Amino acid sequence: MSYFVEFVRYRSDLTAADLVELRAAALSAVRAAHPDLIDAPVLSQNEFGTWTDVWIYRTRTAADAANADAANIPEFAAFADALSGIEITTGRMPESAASPFSA
C-alpha cells in the first residue's frame, strides 16, 4: 500500500511564526474533519521566501475529500487566505518509507 502525498509550494507575507500558527490550526481542524490526513511532517522556506509544505493522506480519495471540504473548515480557509502563488504536485509514498523516527 502507498500513501498519497501533496507537495504544496506557496508564498506568504506573514511572519514565519504567524504562518506556522495558522498552519497548525488548519492542520488540527482538517484532521478532525478528515482523519485520513495522517501527517504533515515538513514545512520549509527556501532562500527566495517560497514555502514547501508536505501533507500526507492515507489515499488520494481522502485527499480529494479534504480538498473538496476545505471551504467549510474556517481554520483552513484562514490559512489559505494568507497564501499566494500556490502550486501543488502530488505523489505516492510507499507505506514502508514512513520515517521510523515518528513511531
N, C-alpha and C. Protein backbone atom coordinates (compact mmCIF):
# COMPACT_ATOMS: atom_id res chain seq x y z
N MET A 1 0.84 -1.18 0.00
CA MET A 1 0.00 0.00 0.00
C MET A 1 0.89 1.25 0.00
N SER A 2 0.36 2.32 -0.57
CA SER A 2 1.11 3.57 -0.56
C SER A 2 0.22 4.71 -0.08
N TYR A 3 0.85 5.73 0.45
CA TYR A 3 0.15 6.93 0.88
C TYR A 3 0.13 7.94 -0.27
N PHE A 4 -0.79 8.89 -0.18
CA PHE A 4 -0.89 9.96 -1.17
C PHE A 4 -0.30 11.22 -0.56
N VAL A 5 0.64 11.84 -1.26
CA VAL A 5 1.37 12.98 -0.71
C VAL A 5 1.13 14.22 -1.58
N GLU A 6 0.84 15.33 -0.90
CA GLU A 6 0.74 16.62 -1.58
C GLU A 6 1.97 17.45 -1.20
N PHE A 7 2.67 17.93 -2.22
CA PHE A 7 3.79 18.85 -2.04
C PHE A 7 3.27 20.22 -2.46
N VAL A 8 3.08 21.10 -1.50
CA VAL A 8 2.44 22.38 -1.77
C VAL A 8 3.49 23.49 -1.63
N ARG A 9 3.64 24.27 -2.70
CA ARG A 9 4.56 25.41 -2.65
C ARG A 9 3.74 26.68 -2.69
N TYR A 10 4.15 27.65 -1.87
CA TYR A 10 3.42 28.91 -1.82
C TYR A 10 4.29 30.00 -1.23
N ARG A 11 3.75 31.22 -1.28
CA ARG A 11 4.38 32.38 -0.65
C ARG A 11 3.40 32.93 0.37
N SER A 12 3.92 33.69 1.31
CA SER A 12 3.07 34.36 2.29
C SER A 12 3.79 35.60 2.79
N ASP A 13 3.02 36.63 3.07
CA ASP A 13 3.59 37.85 3.63
C ASP A 13 3.63 37.81 5.16
N LEU A 14 3.10 36.74 5.75
CA LEU A 14 3.12 36.61 7.20
C LEU A 14 4.53 36.33 7.72
N THR A 15 4.75 36.63 8.98
CA THR A 15 5.99 36.19 9.61
C THR A 15 5.96 34.67 9.69
N ALA A 16 7.11 34.06 9.81
CA ALA A 16 7.17 32.61 9.94
C ALA A 16 6.35 32.14 11.14
N ALA A 17 6.45 32.84 12.25
CA ALA A 17 5.72 32.44 13.46
C ALA A 17 4.21 32.47 13.22
N ASP A 18 3.73 33.52 12.57
CA ASP A 18 2.29 33.63 12.31
C ASP A 18 1.83 32.56 11.31
N LEU A 19 2.64 32.30 10.29
CA LEU A 19 2.30 31.27 9.32
C LEU A 19 2.23 29.90 9.98
N VAL A 20 3.21 29.59 10.80
CA VAL A 20 3.24 28.29 11.48
C VAL A 20 2.02 28.15 12.40
N GLU A 21 1.64 29.22 13.06
CA GLU A 21 0.47 29.18 13.94
C GLU A 21 -0.81 28.92 13.14
N LEU A 22 -0.99 29.63 12.03
CA LEU A 22 -2.17 29.40 11.18
C LEU A 22 -2.17 27.98 10.61
N ARG A 23 -1.00 27.51 10.19
CA ARG A 23 -0.89 26.15 9.64
C ARG A 23 -1.27 25.12 10.68
N ALA A 24 -0.79 25.28 11.90
CA ALA A 24 -1.10 24.32 12.97
C ALA A 24 -2.60 24.26 13.22
N ALA A 25 -3.26 25.41 13.25
CA ALA A 25 -4.71 25.43 13.45
C ALA A 25 -5.42 24.76 12.28
N ALA A 26 -4.95 25.03 11.07
CA ALA A 26 -5.55 24.41 9.88
C ALA A 26 -5.38 22.90 9.90
N LEU A 27 -4.18 22.44 10.21
CA LEU A 27 -3.93 21.00 10.27
C LEU A 27 -4.82 20.31 11.29
N SER A 28 -4.94 20.90 12.46
CA SER A 28 -5.79 20.30 13.51
C SER A 28 -7.23 20.21 13.05
N ALA A 29 -7.73 21.28 12.44
CA ALA A 29 -9.12 21.30 12.00
C ALA A 29 -9.36 20.33 10.84
N VAL A 30 -8.44 20.30 9.88
CA VAL A 30 -8.59 19.38 8.76
C VAL A 30 -8.54 17.94 9.25
N ARG A 31 -7.61 17.65 10.14
CA ARG A 31 -7.51 16.27 10.63
C ARG A 31 -8.73 15.87 11.45
N ALA A 32 -9.31 16.80 12.20
CA ALA A 32 -10.53 16.49 12.96
C ALA A 32 -11.67 16.13 12.02
N ALA A 33 -11.75 16.82 10.89
CA ALA A 33 -12.81 16.56 9.92
C ALA A 33 -12.47 15.41 8.98
N HIS A 34 -11.19 15.18 8.77
CA HIS A 34 -10.72 14.17 7.81
C HIS A 34 -9.55 13.40 8.42
N PRO A 35 -9.86 12.39 9.23
CA PRO A 35 -8.79 11.68 9.96
C PRO A 35 -7.81 10.91 9.07
N ASP A 36 -8.10 10.81 7.78
CA ASP A 36 -7.13 10.16 6.89
C ASP A 36 -6.02 11.10 6.44
N LEU A 37 -6.00 12.33 6.97
CA LEU A 37 -4.79 13.17 6.89
C LEU A 37 -3.89 12.60 7.98
N ILE A 38 -2.85 11.90 7.59
CA ILE A 38 -2.08 11.17 8.60
C ILE A 38 -0.83 11.89 9.07
N ASP A 39 -0.34 12.86 8.30
CA ASP A 39 0.86 13.57 8.74
C ASP A 39 1.08 14.81 7.87
N ALA A 40 1.78 15.75 8.42
CA ALA A 40 2.25 16.93 7.68
C ALA A 40 3.63 17.24 8.24
N PRO A 41 4.61 16.41 7.86
CA PRO A 41 5.90 16.41 8.56
C PRO A 41 6.88 17.51 8.18
N VAL A 42 6.61 18.23 7.09
CA VAL A 42 7.61 19.18 6.62
C VAL A 42 6.98 20.52 6.25
N LEU A 43 7.58 21.58 6.75
CA LEU A 43 7.31 22.94 6.29
C LEU A 43 8.67 23.62 6.25
N SER A 44 9.08 24.03 5.06
CA SER A 44 10.39 24.68 4.95
C SER A 44 10.30 25.88 4.02
N GLN A 45 11.18 26.84 4.27
CA GLN A 45 11.22 28.05 3.45
C GLN A 45 12.57 28.12 2.75
N ASN A 46 12.54 28.33 1.44
CA ASN A 46 13.81 28.42 0.72
C ASN A 46 14.37 29.84 0.78
N GLU A 47 15.53 30.02 0.22
CA GLU A 47 16.22 31.31 0.30
C GLU A 47 15.50 32.44 -0.42
N PHE A 48 14.53 32.11 -1.27
CA PHE A 48 13.78 33.13 -2.02
C PHE A 48 12.44 33.44 -1.36
N GLY A 49 12.16 32.80 -0.23
CA GLY A 49 10.93 33.07 0.51
C GLY A 49 9.77 32.15 0.21
N THR A 50 9.95 31.23 -0.72
CA THR A 50 8.88 30.29 -1.04
C THR A 50 8.87 29.15 -0.02
N TRP A 51 7.67 28.79 0.40
CA TRP A 51 7.50 27.71 1.37
C TRP A 51 7.16 26.41 0.64
N THR A 52 7.62 25.29 1.17
CA THR A 52 7.22 23.96 0.72
C THR A 52 6.60 23.26 1.92
N ASP A 53 5.40 22.76 1.71
CA ASP A 53 4.60 22.14 2.76
C ASP A 53 4.23 20.75 2.28
N VAL A 54 4.34 19.74 3.12
CA VAL A 54 4.05 18.37 2.73
C VAL A 54 2.92 17.83 3.60
N TRP A 55 1.84 17.41 2.94
CA TRP A 55 0.68 16.82 3.63
C TRP A 55 0.52 15.39 3.12
N ILE A 56 0.37 14.45 4.03
CA ILE A 56 0.28 13.04 3.67
C ILE A 56 -1.09 12.50 4.08
N TYR A 57 -1.77 11.91 3.11
CA TYR A 57 -3.09 11.31 3.32
C TYR A 57 -2.99 9.80 3.12
N ARG A 58 -3.93 9.10 3.71
CA ARG A 58 -3.96 7.65 3.56
C ARG A 58 -4.18 7.27 2.09
N THR A 59 -5.06 8.01 1.39
CA THR A 59 -5.37 7.71 -0.01
C THR A 59 -5.61 9.01 -0.78
N ARG A 60 -5.60 8.90 -2.09
CA ARG A 60 -5.95 10.06 -2.93
C ARG A 60 -7.41 10.45 -2.69
N THR A 61 -8.27 9.46 -2.53
CA THR A 61 -9.69 9.73 -2.27
C THR A 61 -9.84 10.56 -1.00
N ALA A 62 -9.07 10.25 0.02
CA ALA A 62 -9.12 11.02 1.27
C ALA A 62 -8.64 12.45 1.05
N ALA A 63 -7.59 12.63 0.27
CA ALA A 63 -7.09 13.98 -0.03
C ALA A 63 -8.12 14.76 -0.83
N ASP A 64 -8.72 14.11 -1.81
CA ASP A 64 -9.74 14.78 -2.62
C ASP A 64 -10.92 15.21 -1.76
N ALA A 65 -11.34 14.37 -0.82
CA ALA A 65 -12.46 14.71 0.07
C ALA A 65 -12.10 15.89 0.96
N ALA A 66 -10.90 15.90 1.49
CA ALA A 66 -10.46 17.01 2.34
C ALA A 66 -10.37 18.30 1.54
N ASN A 67 -9.84 18.22 0.34
CA ASN A 67 -9.73 19.42 -0.51
C ASN A 67 -11.11 19.94 -0.90
N ALA A 68 -12.05 19.04 -1.17
CA ALA A 68 -13.41 19.46 -1.53
C ALA A 68 -14.11 20.15 -0.36
N ASP A 69 -13.72 19.78 0.85
CA ASP A 69 -14.35 20.32 2.06
C ASP A 69 -13.62 21.54 2.61
N ALA A 70 -12.53 21.94 2.00
CA ALA A 70 -11.66 22.99 2.55
C ALA A 70 -12.40 24.28 2.87
N ALA A 71 -13.30 24.70 2.02
CA ALA A 71 -14.02 25.97 2.24
C ALA A 71 -14.93 25.90 3.46
N ASN A 72 -15.26 24.70 3.90
CA ASN A 72 -16.13 24.51 5.07
C ASN A 72 -15.36 24.42 6.38
N ILE A 73 -14.04 24.55 6.32
CA ILE A 73 -13.20 24.47 7.51
C ILE A 73 -12.58 25.85 7.72
N PRO A 74 -13.15 26.64 8.64
CA PRO A 74 -12.71 28.04 8.80
C PRO A 74 -11.21 28.20 9.05
N GLU A 75 -10.62 27.31 9.82
CA GLU A 75 -9.20 27.41 10.12
C GLU A 75 -8.36 27.20 8.86
N PHE A 76 -8.81 26.29 8.00
CA PHE A 76 -8.08 26.08 6.75
C PHE A 76 -8.27 27.28 5.83
N ALA A 77 -9.50 27.80 5.77
CA ALA A 77 -9.77 28.97 4.93
C ALA A 77 -8.90 30.16 5.35
N ALA A 78 -8.74 30.36 6.65
CA ALA A 78 -7.90 31.46 7.15
C ALA A 78 -6.44 31.25 6.73
N PHE A 79 -5.98 30.02 6.82
CA PHE A 79 -4.62 29.68 6.40
C PHE A 79 -4.46 29.93 4.89
N ALA A 80 -5.38 29.41 4.10
CA ALA A 80 -5.30 29.55 2.65
C ALA A 80 -5.34 31.01 2.22
N ASP A 81 -6.11 31.82 2.94
CA ASP A 81 -6.20 33.25 2.61
C ASP A 81 -4.87 33.97 2.80
N ALA A 82 -3.98 33.40 3.59
CA ALA A 82 -2.67 34.03 3.85
C ALA A 82 -1.62 33.61 2.83
N LEU A 83 -2.01 32.79 1.85
CA LEU A 83 -1.06 32.24 0.89
C LEU A 83 -1.28 32.83 -0.50
N SER A 84 -0.21 32.82 -1.29
CA SER A 84 -0.31 33.22 -2.70
C SER A 84 0.60 32.34 -3.53
N GLY A 85 0.37 32.34 -4.84
CA GLY A 85 1.24 31.57 -5.73
C GLY A 85 1.25 30.09 -5.44
N ILE A 86 0.12 29.54 -5.07
CA ILE A 86 0.06 28.13 -4.65
C ILE A 86 0.26 27.20 -5.85
N GLU A 87 1.17 26.25 -5.69
CA GLU A 87 1.42 25.20 -6.68
C GLU A 87 1.42 23.87 -5.94
N ILE A 88 0.68 22.89 -6.46
CA ILE A 88 0.60 21.59 -5.81
C ILE A 88 1.04 20.51 -6.78
N THR A 89 1.97 19.68 -6.32
CA THR A 89 2.31 18.46 -7.03
C THR A 89 2.01 17.31 -6.08
N THR A 90 1.77 16.16 -6.65
CA THR A 90 1.40 15.02 -5.81
C THR A 90 2.26 13.81 -6.16
N GLY A 91 2.26 12.87 -5.25
CA GLY A 91 2.99 11.64 -5.47
C GLY A 91 2.51 10.55 -4.53
N ARG A 92 3.07 9.41 -4.72
CA ARG A 92 2.76 8.27 -3.85
C ARG A 92 4.00 7.92 -3.05
N MET A 93 3.78 7.59 -1.80
CA MET A 93 4.87 7.23 -0.91
C MET A 93 4.61 5.82 -0.40
N PRO A 94 5.51 4.88 -0.65
CA PRO A 94 5.30 3.54 -0.10
C PRO A 94 5.13 3.62 1.42
N GLU A 95 4.17 2.90 1.93
CA GLU A 95 3.92 2.90 3.37
C GLU A 95 5.19 2.55 4.14
N SER A 96 5.99 1.66 3.58
CA SER A 96 7.23 1.24 4.25
C SER A 96 8.28 2.34 4.29
N ALA A 97 8.06 3.44 3.55
CA ALA A 97 9.02 4.54 3.53
C ALA A 97 8.76 5.55 4.64
N ALA A 98 7.72 5.35 5.44
CA ALA A 98 7.43 6.27 6.54
C ALA A 98 8.62 6.31 7.50
N SER A 99 8.86 7.46 8.06
CA SER A 99 10.01 7.64 8.94
C SER A 99 9.91 6.75 10.18
N PRO A 100 10.98 6.05 10.51
CA PRO A 100 10.98 5.26 11.74
C PRO A 100 11.05 6.15 12.98
N PHE A 101 11.37 7.42 12.80
CA PHE A 101 11.50 8.33 13.93
C PHE A 101 10.16 8.84 14.43
N SER A 102 9.11 8.72 13.62
CA SER A 102 7.81 9.24 14.02
C SER A 102 6.98 8.21 14.76
N ALA A 103 7.49 7.04 14.93
CA ALA A 103 6.73 5.97 15.61
C ALA A 103 6.71 6.18 17.11
